[in-house]
Amino acid sequence: ITVFISAVTYFIFRTLRKTKYDEKE
């Protein structure tokens, strides 16, 4: 469960970071 939650959190933050970059672009 800890590994799953960590993986989901990582992908969410990665997506948000990409979304912010895309918004700036």
mmCIF file of all heavy atoms, coordinates in Angstrom:
data_MODEL
# 
_entry.id   MODEL 
# 
loop_
_atom_site.group_PDB 
_atom_site.id 
_atom_site.type_symbol 
_atom_site.label_atom_id 
_atom_site.label_alt_id 
_atom_site.label_comp_id 
_atom_site.label_asym_id 
_atom_site.label_entity_id 
_atom_site.label_seq_id 
_atom_site.pdbx_PDB_ins_code 
_atom_site.Cartn_x 
_atom_site.Cartn_y 
_atom_site.Cartn_z 
_atom_site.occupancy 
_atom_site.B_iso_or_equiv 
_atom_site.pdbx_formal_charge 
_atom_site.auth_seq_id 
_atom_site.auth_comp_id 
_atom_site.auth_asym_id 
_atom_site.auth_atom_id 
_atom_site.pdbx_PDB_model_num 
ATOM 1   N N   . ILE A 1 1  ? 0.839  -1.203 0.000   1.00 0.00 ? 1  ILE A N   1 
ATOM 2   C CA  . ILE A 1 1  ? 0.000  0.000  0.000   1.00 0.00 ? 1  ILE A CA  1 
ATOM 3   C C   . ILE A 1 1  ? 0.869  1.247  0.000   1.00 0.00 ? 1  ILE A C   1 
ATOM 4   O O   . ILE A 1 1  ? 0.617  2.214  -0.733  1.00 0.00 ? 1  ILE A O   1 
ATOM 5   C CB  . ILE A 1 1  ? -0.980 -0.014 1.189   1.00 0.00 ? 1  ILE A CB  1 
ATOM 6   C CG1 . ILE A 1 1  ? -2.037 -1.095 0.968   1.00 0.00 ? 1  ILE A CG1 1 
ATOM 7   C CG2 . ILE A 1 1  ? -1.635 1.351  1.375   1.00 0.00 ? 1  ILE A CG2 1 
ATOM 8   C CD1 . ILE A 1 1  ? -2.955 -1.319 2.152   1.00 0.00 ? 1  ILE A CD1 1 
ATOM 9   N N   . THR A 1 2  ? 1.939  1.224  0.805   1.00 0.00 ? 2  THR A N   1 
ATOM 10  C CA  . THR A 1 2  ? 2.860  2.364  0.860   1.00 0.00 ? 2  THR A CA  1 
ATOM 11  C C   . THR A 1 2  ? 3.522  2.587  -0.492  1.00 0.00 ? 2  THR A C   1 
ATOM 12  O O   . THR A 1 2  ? 3.618  3.722  -0.970  1.00 0.00 ? 2  THR A O   1 
ATOM 13  C CB  . THR A 1 2  ? 3.924  2.144  1.953   1.00 0.00 ? 2  THR A CB  1 
ATOM 14  O OG1 . THR A 1 2  ? 3.273  1.941  3.191   1.00 0.00 ? 2  THR A OG1 1 
ATOM 15  C CG2 . THR A 1 2  ? 4.869  3.314  2.049   1.00 0.00 ? 2  THR A CG2 1 
ATOM 16  N N   . VAL A 1 3  ? 3.981  1.519  -1.142  1.00 0.00 ? 3  VAL A N   1 
ATOM 17  C CA  . VAL A 1 3  ? 4.616  1.634  -2.457  1.00 0.00 ? 3  VAL A CA  1 
ATOM 18  C C   . VAL A 1 3  ? 3.597  2.156  -3.477  1.00 0.00 ? 3  VAL A C   1 
ATOM 19  O O   . VAL A 1 3  ? 3.904  3.041  -4.285  1.00 0.00 ? 3  VAL A O   1 
ATOM 20  C CB  . VAL A 1 3  ? 5.191  0.271  -2.902  1.00 0.00 ? 3  VAL A CB  1 
ATOM 21  C CG1 . VAL A 1 3  ? 5.583  0.292  -4.372  1.00 0.00 ? 3  VAL A CG1 1 
ATOM 22  C CG2 . VAL A 1 3  ? 6.380  -0.092 -2.044  1.00 0.00 ? 3  VAL A CG2 1 
ATOM 23  N N   . PHE A 1 4  ? 2.355  1.647  -3.431  1.00 0.00 ? 4  PHE A N   1 
ATOM 24  C CA  . PHE A 1 4  ? 1.318  2.078  -4.355  1.00 0.00 ? 4  PHE A CA  1 
ATOM 25  C C   . PHE A 1 4  ? 1.006  3.562  -4.172  1.00 0.00 ? 4  PHE A C   1 
ATOM 26  O O   . PHE A 1 4  ? 0.944  4.325  -5.139  1.00 0.00 ? 4  PHE A O   1 
ATOM 27  C CB  . PHE A 1 4  ? 0.045  1.237  -4.161  1.00 0.00 ? 4  PHE A CB  1 
ATOM 28  C CG  . PHE A 1 4  ? -1.087 1.661  -5.026  1.00 0.00 ? 4  PHE A CG  1 
ATOM 29  C CD1 . PHE A 1 4  ? -1.087 1.388  -6.387  1.00 0.00 ? 4  PHE A CD1 1 
ATOM 30  C CD2 . PHE A 1 4  ? -2.155 2.374  -4.500  1.00 0.00 ? 4  PHE A CD2 1 
ATOM 31  C CE1 . PHE A 1 4  ? -2.129 1.799  -7.192  1.00 0.00 ? 4  PHE A CE1 1 
ATOM 32  C CE2 . PHE A 1 4  ? -3.197 2.787  -5.294  1.00 0.00 ? 4  PHE A CE2 1 
ATOM 33  C CZ  . PHE A 1 4  ? -3.193 2.499  -6.650  1.00 0.00 ? 4  PHE A CZ  1 
ATOM 34  N N   . ILE A 1 5  ? 0.835  3.991  -2.931  1.00 0.00 ? 5  ILE A N   1 
ATOM 35  C CA  . ILE A 1 5  ? 0.548  5.406  -2.651  1.00 0.00 ? 5  ILE A CA  1 
ATOM 36  C C   . ILE A 1 5  ? 1.710  6.290  -3.085  1.00 0.00 ? 5  ILE A C   1 
ATOM 37  O O   . ILE A 1 5  ? 1.513  7.354  -3.668  1.00 0.00 ? 5  ILE A O   1 
ATOM 38  C CB  . ILE A 1 5  ? 0.202  5.611  -1.160  1.00 0.00 ? 5  ILE A CB  1 
ATOM 39  C CG1 . ILE A 1 5  ? -1.154 4.977  -0.863  1.00 0.00 ? 5  ILE A CG1 1 
ATOM 40  C CG2 . ILE A 1 5  ? 0.195  7.089  -0.792  1.00 0.00 ? 5  ILE A CG2 1 
ATOM 41  C CD1 . ILE A 1 5  ? -1.534 4.967  0.592   1.00 0.00 ? 5  ILE A CD1 1 
ATOM 42  N N   . SER A 1 6  ? 2.928  5.835  -2.848  1.00 0.00 ? 6  SER A N   1 
ATOM 43  C CA  . SER A 1 6  ? 4.104  6.601  -3.272  1.00 0.00 ? 6  SER A CA  1 
ATOM 44  C C   . SER A 1 6  ? 4.159  6.719  -4.790  1.00 0.00 ? 6  SER A C   1 
ATOM 45  O O   . SER A 1 6  ? 4.453  7.790  -5.333  1.00 0.00 ? 6  SER A O   1 
ATOM 46  C CB  . SER A 1 6  ? 5.385  5.941  -2.772  1.00 0.00 ? 6  SER A CB  1 
ATOM 47  O OG  . SER A 1 6  ? 5.407  5.910  -1.376  1.00 0.00 ? 6  SER A OG  1 
ATOM 48  N N   . ALA A 1 7  ? 3.853  5.643  -5.501  1.00 0.00 ? 7  ALA A N   1 
ATOM 49  C CA  . ALA A 1 7  ? 3.870  5.666  -6.965  1.00 0.00 ? 7  ALA A CA  1 
ATOM 50  C C   . ALA A 1 7  ? 2.792  6.612  -7.499  1.00 0.00 ? 7  ALA A C   1 
ATOM 51  O O   . ALA A 1 7  ? 3.041  7.403  -8.415  1.00 0.00 ? 7  ALA A O   1 
ATOM 52  C CB  . ALA A 1 7  ? 3.681  4.261  -7.517  1.00 0.00 ? 7  ALA A CB  1 
ATOM 53  N N   . VAL A 1 8  ? 1.596  6.543  -6.938  1.00 0.00 ? 8  VAL A N   1 
ATOM 54  C CA  . VAL A 1 8  ? 0.518  7.427  -7.371  1.00 0.00 ? 8  VAL A CA  1 
ATOM 55  C C   . VAL A 1 8  ? 0.890  8.885  -7.104  1.00 0.00 ? 8  VAL A C   1 
ATOM 56  O O   . VAL A 1 8  ? 0.691  9.759  -7.954  1.00 0.00 ? 8  VAL A O   1 
ATOM 57  C CB  . VAL A 1 8  ? -0.807 7.044  -6.677  1.00 0.00 ? 8  VAL A CB  1 
ATOM 58  C CG1 . VAL A 1 8  ? -1.863 8.108  -6.889  1.00 0.00 ? 8  VAL A CG1 1 
ATOM 59  C CG2 . VAL A 1 8  ? -1.308 5.697  -7.180  1.00 0.00 ? 8  VAL A CG2 1 
ATOM 60  N N   . THR A 1 9  ? 1.446  9.169  -5.944  1.00 0.00 ? 9  THR A N   1 
ATOM 61  C CA  . THR A 1 9  ? 1.865  10.533 -5.591  1.00 0.00 ? 9  THR A CA  1 
ATOM 62  C C   . THR A 1 9  ? 2.935  11.036 -6.567  1.00 0.00 ? 9  THR A C   1 
ATOM 63  O O   . THR A 1 9  ? 2.872  12.173 -7.039  1.00 0.00 ? 9  THR A O   1 
ATOM 64  C CB  . THR A 1 9  ? 2.396  10.581 -4.151  1.00 0.00 ? 9  THR A CB  1 
ATOM 65  O OG1 . THR A 1 9  ? 1.392  10.071 -3.276  1.00 0.00 ? 9  THR A OG1 1 
ATOM 66  C CG2 . THR A 1 9  ? 2.781  11.985 -3.742  1.00 0.00 ? 9  THR A CG2 1 
ATOM 67  N N   . TYR A 1 10 ? 3.889  10.175 -6.889  1.00 0.00 ? 10 TYR A N   1 
ATOM 68  C CA  . TYR A 1 10 ? 4.951  10.543 -7.835  1.00 0.00 ? 10 TYR A CA  1 
ATOM 69  C C   . TYR A 1 10 ? 4.360  10.898 -9.197  1.00 0.00 ? 10 TYR A C   1 
ATOM 70  O O   . TYR A 1 10 ? 4.705  11.925 -9.774  1.00 0.00 ? 10 TYR A O   1 
ATOM 71  C CB  . TYR A 1 10 ? 5.957  9.393  -7.970  1.00 0.00 ? 10 TYR A CB  1 
ATOM 72  C CG  . TYR A 1 10 ? 6.928  9.586  -9.101  1.00 0.00 ? 10 TYR A CG  1 
ATOM 73  C CD1 . TYR A 1 10 ? 7.987  10.487 -8.983  1.00 0.00 ? 10 TYR A CD1 1 
ATOM 74  C CD2 . TYR A 1 10 ? 6.779  8.896  -10.299 1.00 0.00 ? 10 TYR A CD2 1 
ATOM 75  C CE1 . TYR A 1 10 ? 8.870  10.685 -10.028 1.00 0.00 ? 10 TYR A CE1 1 
ATOM 76  C CE2 . TYR A 1 10 ? 7.655  9.084  -11.349 1.00 0.00 ? 10 TYR A CE2 1 
ATOM 77  C CZ  . TYR A 1 10 ? 8.695  9.978  -11.211 1.00 0.00 ? 10 TYR A CZ  1 
ATOM 78  O OH  . TYR A 1 10 ? 9.559  10.167 -12.243 1.00 0.00 ? 10 TYR A OH  1 
ATOM 79  N N   . PHE A 1 11 ? 3.468  10.067 -9.706  1.00 0.00 ? 11 PHE A N   1 
ATOM 80  C CA  . PHE A 1 11 ? 2.871  10.337 -11.019 1.00 0.00 ? 11 PHE A CA  1 
ATOM 81  C C   . PHE A 1 11 ? 1.992  11.583 -11.010 1.00 0.00 ? 11 PHE A C   1 
ATOM 82  O O   . PHE A 1 11 ? 1.970  12.339 -11.982 1.00 0.00 ? 11 PHE A O   1 
ATOM 83  C CB  . PHE A 1 11 ? 2.085  9.116  -11.513 1.00 0.00 ? 11 PHE A CB  1 
ATOM 84  C CG  . PHE A 1 11 ? 2.969  8.001  -11.971 1.00 0.00 ? 11 PHE A CG  1 
ATOM 85  C CD1 . PHE A 1 11 ? 2.950  6.783  -11.326 1.00 0.00 ? 11 PHE A CD1 1 
ATOM 86  C CD2 . PHE A 1 11 ? 3.832  8.173  -13.044 1.00 0.00 ? 11 PHE A CD2 1 
ATOM 87  C CE1 . PHE A 1 11 ? 3.769  5.748  -11.739 1.00 0.00 ? 11 PHE A CE1 1 
ATOM 88  C CE2 . PHE A 1 11 ? 4.658  7.146  -13.469 1.00 0.00 ? 11 PHE A CE2 1 
ATOM 89  C CZ  . PHE A 1 11 ? 4.632  5.918  -12.818 1.00 0.00 ? 11 PHE A CZ  1 
ATOM 90  N N   . ILE A 1 12 ? 1.299  11.838 -9.907  1.00 0.00 ? 12 ILE A N   1 
ATOM 91  C CA  . ILE A 1 12 ? 0.489  13.054 -9.811  1.00 0.00 ? 12 ILE A CA  1 
ATOM 92  C C   . ILE A 1 12 ? 1.373  14.290 -9.844  1.00 0.00 ? 12 ILE A C   1 
ATOM 93  O O   . ILE A 1 12 ? 1.114  15.244 -10.585 1.00 0.00 ? 12 ILE A O   1 
ATOM 94  C CB  . ILE A 1 12 ? -0.402 13.031 -8.544  1.00 0.00 ? 12 ILE A CB  1 
ATOM 95  C CG1 . ILE A 1 12 ? -1.529 12.009 -8.718  1.00 0.00 ? 12 ILE A CG1 1 
ATOM 96  C CG2 . ILE A 1 12 ? -0.972 14.416 -8.260  1.00 0.00 ? 12 ILE A CG2 1 
ATOM 97  C CD1 . ILE A 1 12 ? -2.353 11.786 -7.464  1.00 0.00 ? 12 ILE A CD1 1 
ATOM 98  N N   . PHE A 1 13 ? 2.437  14.298 -9.049  1.00 0.00 ? 13 PHE A N   1 
ATOM 99  C CA  . PHE A 1 13 ? 3.341  15.452 -9.037  1.00 0.00 ? 13 PHE A CA  1 
ATOM 100 C C   . PHE A 1 13 ? 4.035  15.635 -10.380 1.00 0.00 ? 13 PHE A C   1 
ATOM 101 O O   . PHE A 1 13 ? 4.232  16.759 -10.843 1.00 0.00 ? 13 PHE A O   1 
ATOM 102 C CB  . PHE A 1 13 ? 4.365  15.336 -7.911  1.00 0.00 ? 13 PHE A CB  1 
ATOM 103 C CG  . PHE A 1 13 ? 3.820  15.725 -6.575  1.00 0.00 ? 13 PHE A CG  1 
ATOM 104 C CD1 . PHE A 1 13 ? 3.825  14.831 -5.521  1.00 0.00 ? 13 PHE A CD1 1 
ATOM 105 C CD2 . PHE A 1 13 ? 3.289  16.989 -6.356  1.00 0.00 ? 13 PHE A CD2 1 
ATOM 106 C CE1 . PHE A 1 13 ? 3.313  15.184 -4.288  1.00 0.00 ? 13 PHE A CE1 1 
ATOM 107 C CE2 . PHE A 1 13 ? 2.785  17.352 -5.123  1.00 0.00 ? 13 PHE A CE2 1 
ATOM 108 C CZ  . PHE A 1 13 ? 2.794  16.438 -4.092  1.00 0.00 ? 13 PHE A CZ  1 
ATOM 109 N N   . ARG A 1 14 ? 4.403  14.538 -11.011 1.00 0.00 ? 14 ARG A N   1 
ATOM 110 C CA  . ARG A 1 14 ? 5.034  14.608 -12.330 1.00 0.00 ? 14 ARG A CA  1 
ATOM 111 C C   . ARG A 1 14 ? 4.066  15.207 -13.354 1.00 0.00 ? 14 ARG A C   1 
ATOM 112 O O   . ARG A 1 14 ? 4.441  16.066 -14.158 1.00 0.00 ? 14 ARG A O   1 
ATOM 113 C CB  . ARG A 1 14 ? 5.482  13.222 -12.760 1.00 0.00 ? 14 ARG A CB  1 
ATOM 114 C CG  . ARG A 1 14 ? 6.308  13.233 -14.003 1.00 0.00 ? 14 ARG A CG  1 
ATOM 115 C CD  . ARG A 1 14 ? 6.882  11.874 -14.262 1.00 0.00 ? 14 ARG A CD  1 
ATOM 116 N NE  . ARG A 1 14 ? 6.720  11.603 -15.680 1.00 0.00 ? 14 ARG A NE  1 
ATOM 117 C CZ  . ARG A 1 14 ? 6.837  10.434 -16.232 1.00 0.00 ? 14 ARG A CZ  1 
ATOM 118 N NH1 . ARG A 1 14 ? 7.069  9.378  -15.490 1.00 0.00 ? 14 ARG A NH1 1 
ATOM 119 N NH2 . ARG A 1 14 ? 6.702  10.284 -17.516 1.00 0.00 ? 14 ARG A NH2 1 
ATOM 120 N N   . THR A 1 15 ? 2.817  14.789 -13.307 1.00 0.00 ? 15 THR A N   1 
ATOM 121 C CA  . THR A 1 15 ? 1.800  15.321 -14.211 1.00 0.00 ? 15 THR A CA  1 
ATOM 122 C C   . THR A 1 15 ? 1.563  16.801 -13.950 1.00 0.00 ? 15 THR A C   1 
ATOM 123 O O   . THR A 1 15 ? 1.458  17.601 -14.882 1.00 0.00 ? 15 THR A O   1 
ATOM 124 C CB  . THR A 1 15 ? 0.482  14.534 -14.055 1.00 0.00 ? 15 THR A CB  1 
ATOM 125 O OG1 . THR A 1 15 ? 0.732  13.157 -14.304 1.00 0.00 ? 15 THR A OG1 1 
ATOM 126 C CG2 . THR A 1 15 ? -0.573 15.040 -15.013 1.00 0.00 ? 15 THR A CG2 1 
ATOM 127 N N   . LEU A 1 16 ? 1.484  17.182 -12.671 1.00 0.00 ? 16 LEU A N   1 
ATOM 128 C CA  . LEU A 1 16 ? 1.287  18.601 -12.338 1.00 0.00 ? 16 LEU A CA  1 
ATOM 129 C C   . LEU A 1 16 ? 2.454  19.450 -12.821 1.00 0.00 ? 16 LEU A C   1 
ATOM 130 O O   . LEU A 1 16 ? 2.269  20.558 -13.320 1.00 0.00 ? 16 LEU A O   1 
ATOM 131 C CB  . LEU A 1 16 ? 1.092  18.771 -10.836 1.00 0.00 ? 16 LEU A CB  1 
ATOM 132 C CG  . LEU A 1 16 ? -0.255 18.325 -10.280 1.00 0.00 ? 16 LEU A CG  1 
ATOM 133 C CD1 . LEU A 1 16 ? -0.252 18.433 -8.759  1.00 0.00 ? 16 LEU A CD1 1 
ATOM 134 C CD2 . LEU A 1 16 ? -1.389 19.138 -10.863 1.00 0.00 ? 16 LEU A CD2 1 
ATOM 135 N N   . ARG A 1 17 ? 3.663  18.951 -12.650 1.00 0.00 ? 17 ARG A N   1 
ATOM 136 C CA  . ARG A 1 17 ? 4.845  19.686 -13.091 1.00 0.00 ? 17 ARG A CA  1 
ATOM 137 C C   . ARG A 1 17 ? 4.814  19.857 -14.609 1.00 0.00 ? 17 ARG A C   1 
ATOM 138 O O   . ARG A 1 17 ? 5.080  20.933 -15.133 1.00 0.00 ? 17 ARG A O   1 
ATOM 139 C CB  . ARG A 1 17 ? 6.118  18.953 -12.672 1.00 0.00 ? 17 ARG A CB  1 
ATOM 140 C CG  . ARG A 1 17 ? 7.351  19.793 -12.840 1.00 0.00 ? 17 ARG A CG  1 
ATOM 141 C CD  . ARG A 1 17 ? 8.625  19.165 -12.318 1.00 0.00 ? 17 ARG A CD  1 
ATOM 142 N NE  . ARG A 1 17 ? 8.421  18.210 -11.274 1.00 0.00 ? 17 ARG A NE  1 
ATOM 143 C CZ  . ARG A 1 17 ? 9.029  17.023 -11.225 1.00 0.00 ? 17 ARG A CZ  1 
ATOM 144 N NH1 . ARG A 1 17 ? 9.885  16.678 -12.146 1.00 0.00 ? 17 ARG A NH1 1 
ATOM 145 N NH2 . ARG A 1 17 ? 8.805  16.182 -10.232 1.00 0.00 ? 17 ARG A NH2 1 
ATOM 146 N N   . LYS A 1 18 ? 4.455  18.783 -15.320 1.00 0.00 ? 18 LYS A N   1 
ATOM 147 C CA  . LYS A 1 18 ? 4.351  18.864 -16.777 1.00 0.00 ? 18 LYS A CA  1 
ATOM 148 C C   . LYS A 1 18 ? 3.239  19.820 -17.188 1.00 0.00 ? 18 LYS A C   1 
ATOM 149 O O   . LYS A 1 18 ? 3.385  20.604 -18.125 1.00 0.00 ? 18 LYS A O   1 
ATOM 150 C CB  . LYS A 1 18 ? 4.091  17.482 -17.370 1.00 0.00 ? 18 LYS A CB  1 
ATOM 151 C CG  . LYS A 1 18 ? 4.100  17.466 -18.884 1.00 0.00 ? 18 LYS A CG  1 
ATOM 152 C CD  . LYS A 1 18 ? 3.937  16.067 -19.407 1.00 0.00 ? 18 LYS A CD  1 
ATOM 153 C CE  . LYS A 1 18 ? 3.982  15.947 -20.904 1.00 0.00 ? 18 LYS A CE  1 
ATOM 154 N NZ  . LYS A 1 18 ? 3.486  16.995 -21.687 1.00 0.00 ? 18 LYS A NZ  1 
ATOM 155 N N   . THR A 1 19 ? 2.121  19.813 -16.465 1.00 0.00 ? 19 THR A N   1 
ATOM 156 C CA  . THR A 1 19 ? 1.011  20.707 -16.764 1.00 0.00 ? 19 THR A CA  1 
ATOM 157 C C   . THR A 1 19 ? 1.442  22.162 -16.575 1.00 0.00 ? 19 THR A C   1 
ATOM 158 O O   . THR A 1 19 ? 1.118  23.025 -17.394 1.00 0.00 ? 19 THR A O   1 
ATOM 159 C CB  . THR A 1 19 ? -0.195 20.385 -15.862 1.00 0.00 ? 19 THR A CB  1 
ATOM 160 O OG1 . THR A 1 19 ? -0.557 19.023 -16.051 1.00 0.00 ? 19 THR A OG1 1 
ATOM 161 C CG2 . THR A 1 19 ? -1.370 21.272 -16.168 1.00 0.00 ? 19 THR A CG2 1 
ATOM 162 N N   . LYS A 1 20 ? 2.186  22.457 -15.503 1.00 0.00 ? 20 LYS A N   1 
ATOM 163 C CA  . LYS A 1 20 ? 2.671  23.822 -15.281 1.00 0.00 ? 20 LYS A CA  1 
ATOM 164 C C   . LYS A 1 20 ? 3.619  24.245 -16.398 1.00 0.00 ? 20 LYS A C   1 
ATOM 165 O O   . LYS A 1 20 ? 3.559  25.363 -16.892 1.00 0.00 ? 20 LYS A O   1 
ATOM 166 C CB  . LYS A 1 20 ? 3.379  23.930 -13.930 1.00 0.00 ? 20 LYS A CB  1 
ATOM 167 C CG  . LYS A 1 20 ? 2.444  23.939 -12.760 1.00 0.00 ? 20 LYS A CG  1 
ATOM 168 C CD  . LYS A 1 20 ? 3.208  24.059 -11.463 1.00 0.00 ? 20 LYS A CD  1 
ATOM 169 C CE  . LYS A 1 20 ? 2.271  23.991 -10.273 1.00 0.00 ? 20 LYS A CE  1 
ATOM 170 N NZ  . LYS A 1 20 ? 2.999  24.068 -9.006  1.00 0.00 ? 20 LYS A NZ  1 
ATOM 171 N N   . TYR A 1 21 ? 4.486  23.317 -16.808 1.00 0.00 ? 21 TYR A N   1 
ATOM 172 C CA  . TYR A 1 21 ? 5.414  23.616 -17.897 1.00 0.00 ? 21 TYR A CA  1 
ATOM 173 C C   . TYR A 1 21 ? 4.634  23.876 -19.180 1.00 0.00 ? 21 TYR A C   1 
ATOM 174 O O   . TYR A 1 21 ? 4.918  24.831 -19.899 1.00 0.00 ? 21 TYR A O   1 
ATOM 175 C CB  . TYR A 1 21 ? 6.394  22.465 -18.086 1.00 0.00 ? 21 TYR A CB  1 
ATOM 176 C CG  . TYR A 1 21 ? 7.283  22.641 -19.295 1.00 0.00 ? 21 TYR A CG  1 
ATOM 177 C CD1 . TYR A 1 21 ? 8.373  23.510 -19.254 1.00 0.00 ? 21 TYR A CD1 1 
ATOM 178 C CD2 . TYR A 1 21 ? 7.019  21.963 -20.480 1.00 0.00 ? 21 TYR A CD2 1 
ATOM 179 C CE1 . TYR A 1 21 ? 9.175  23.695 -20.362 1.00 0.00 ? 21 TYR A CE1 1 
ATOM 180 C CE2 . TYR A 1 21 ? 7.821  22.143 -21.590 1.00 0.00 ? 21 TYR A CE2 1 
ATOM 181 C CZ  . TYR A 1 21 ? 8.899  22.998 -21.526 1.00 0.00 ? 21 TYR A CZ  1 
ATOM 182 O OH  . TYR A 1 21 ? 9.681  23.177 -22.627 1.00 0.00 ? 21 TYR A OH  1 
ATOM 183 N N   . ASP A 1 22 ? 3.646  23.027 -19.477 1.00 0.00 ? 22 ASP A N   1 
ATOM 184 C CA  . ASP A 1 22 ? 2.825  23.200 -20.678 1.00 0.00 ? 22 ASP A CA  1 
ATOM 185 C C   . ASP A 1 22 ? 2.074  24.525 -20.640 1.00 0.00 ? 22 ASP A C   1 
ATOM 186 O O   . ASP A 1 22 ? 1.936  25.190 -21.665 1.00 0.00 ? 22 ASP A O   1 
ATOM 187 C CB  . ASP A 1 22 ? 1.833  22.043 -20.834 1.00 0.00 ? 22 ASP A CB  1 
ATOM 188 C CG  . ASP A 1 22 ? 2.519  20.731 -21.198 1.00 0.00 ? 22 ASP A CG  1 
ATOM 189 O OD1 . ASP A 1 22 ? 3.708  20.759 -21.597 1.00 0.00 ? 22 ASP A OD1 1 
ATOM 190 O OD2 . ASP A 1 22 ? 1.869  19.665 -21.064 1.00 0.00 ? 22 ASP A OD2 1 
ATOM 191 N N   . GLU A 1 23 ? 1.584  24.913 -19.460 1.00 0.00 ? 23 GLU A N   1 
ATOM 192 C CA  . GLU A 1 23 ? 0.867  26.188 -19.316 1.00 0.00 ? 23 GLU A CA  1 
ATOM 193 C C   . GLU A 1 23 ? 1.806  27.364 -19.594 1.00 0.00 ? 23 GLU A C   1 
ATOM 194 O O   . GLU A 1 23 ? 1.434  28.315 -20.288 1.00 0.00 ? 23 GLU A O   1 
ATOM 195 C CB  . GLU A 1 23 ? 0.270  26.296 -17.911 1.00 0.00 ? 23 GLU A CB  1 
ATOM 196 C CG  . GLU A 1 23 ? -0.439 27.596 -17.636 1.00 0.00 ? 23 GLU A CG  1 
ATOM 197 C CD  . GLU A 1 23 ? -1.695 27.797 -18.458 1.00 0.00 ? 23 GLU A CD  1 
ATOM 198 O OE1 . GLU A 1 23 ? -2.259 26.810 -18.968 1.00 0.00 ? 23 GLU A OE1 1 
ATOM 199 O OE2 . GLU A 1 23 ? -2.107 28.957 -18.618 1.00 0.00 ? 23 GLU A OE2 1 
ATOM 200 N N   . LYS A 1 24 ? 3.027  27.302 -19.081 1.00 0.00 ? 24 LYS A N   1 
ATOM 201 C CA  . LYS A 1 24 ? 3.991  28.371 -19.344 1.00 0.00 ? 24 LYS A CA  1 
ATOM 202 C C   . LYS A 1 24 ? 4.324  28.437 -20.829 1.00 0.00 ? 24 LYS A C   1 
ATOM 203 O O   . LYS A 1 24 ? 4.407  29.525 -21.408 1.00 0.00 ? 24 LYS A O   1 
ATOM 204 C CB  . LYS A 1 24 ? 5.274  28.152 -18.535 1.00 0.00 ? 24 LYS A CB  1 
ATOM 205 C CG  . LYS A 1 24 ? 5.126  28.461 -17.076 1.00 0.00 ? 24 LYS A CG  1 
ATOM 206 C CD  . LYS A 1 24 ? 6.431  28.240 -16.336 1.00 0.00 ? 24 LYS A CD  1 
ATOM 207 C CE  . LYS A 1 24 ? 6.256  28.501 -14.857 1.00 0.00 ? 24 LYS A CE  1 
ATOM 208 N NZ  . LYS A 1 24 ? 7.498  28.250 -14.114 1.00 0.00 ? 24 LYS A NZ  1 
ATOM 209 N N   . GLU A 1 25 ? 4.512  27.279 -21.443 1.00 0.00 ? 25 GLU A N   1 
ATOM 210 C CA  . GLU A 1 25 ? 4.818  27.239 -22.873 1.00 0.00 ? 25 GLU A CA  1 
ATOM 211 C C   . GLU A 1 25 ? 3.645  27.790 -23.686 1.00 0.00 ? 25 GLU A C   1 
ATOM 212 O O   . GLU A 1 25 ? 3.842  28.549 -24.647 1.00 0.00 ? 25 GLU A O   1 
ATOM 213 C CB  . GLU A 1 25 ? 5.114  25.802 -23.308 1.00 0.00 ? 25 GLU A CB  1 
ATOM 214 C CG  . GLU A 1 25 ? 5.574  25.696 -24.742 1.00 0.00 ? 25 GLU A CG  1 
ATOM 215 C CD  . GLU A 1 25 ? 5.974  24.279 -25.104 1.00 0.00 ? 25 GLU A CD  1 
ATOM 216 O OE1 . GLU A 1 25 ? 6.591  23.587 -24.282 1.00 0.00 ? 25 GLU A OE1 1 
ATOM 217 O OE2 . GLU A 1 25 ? 5.645  23.874 -26.233 1.00 0.00 ? 25 GLU A OE2 1 
# 
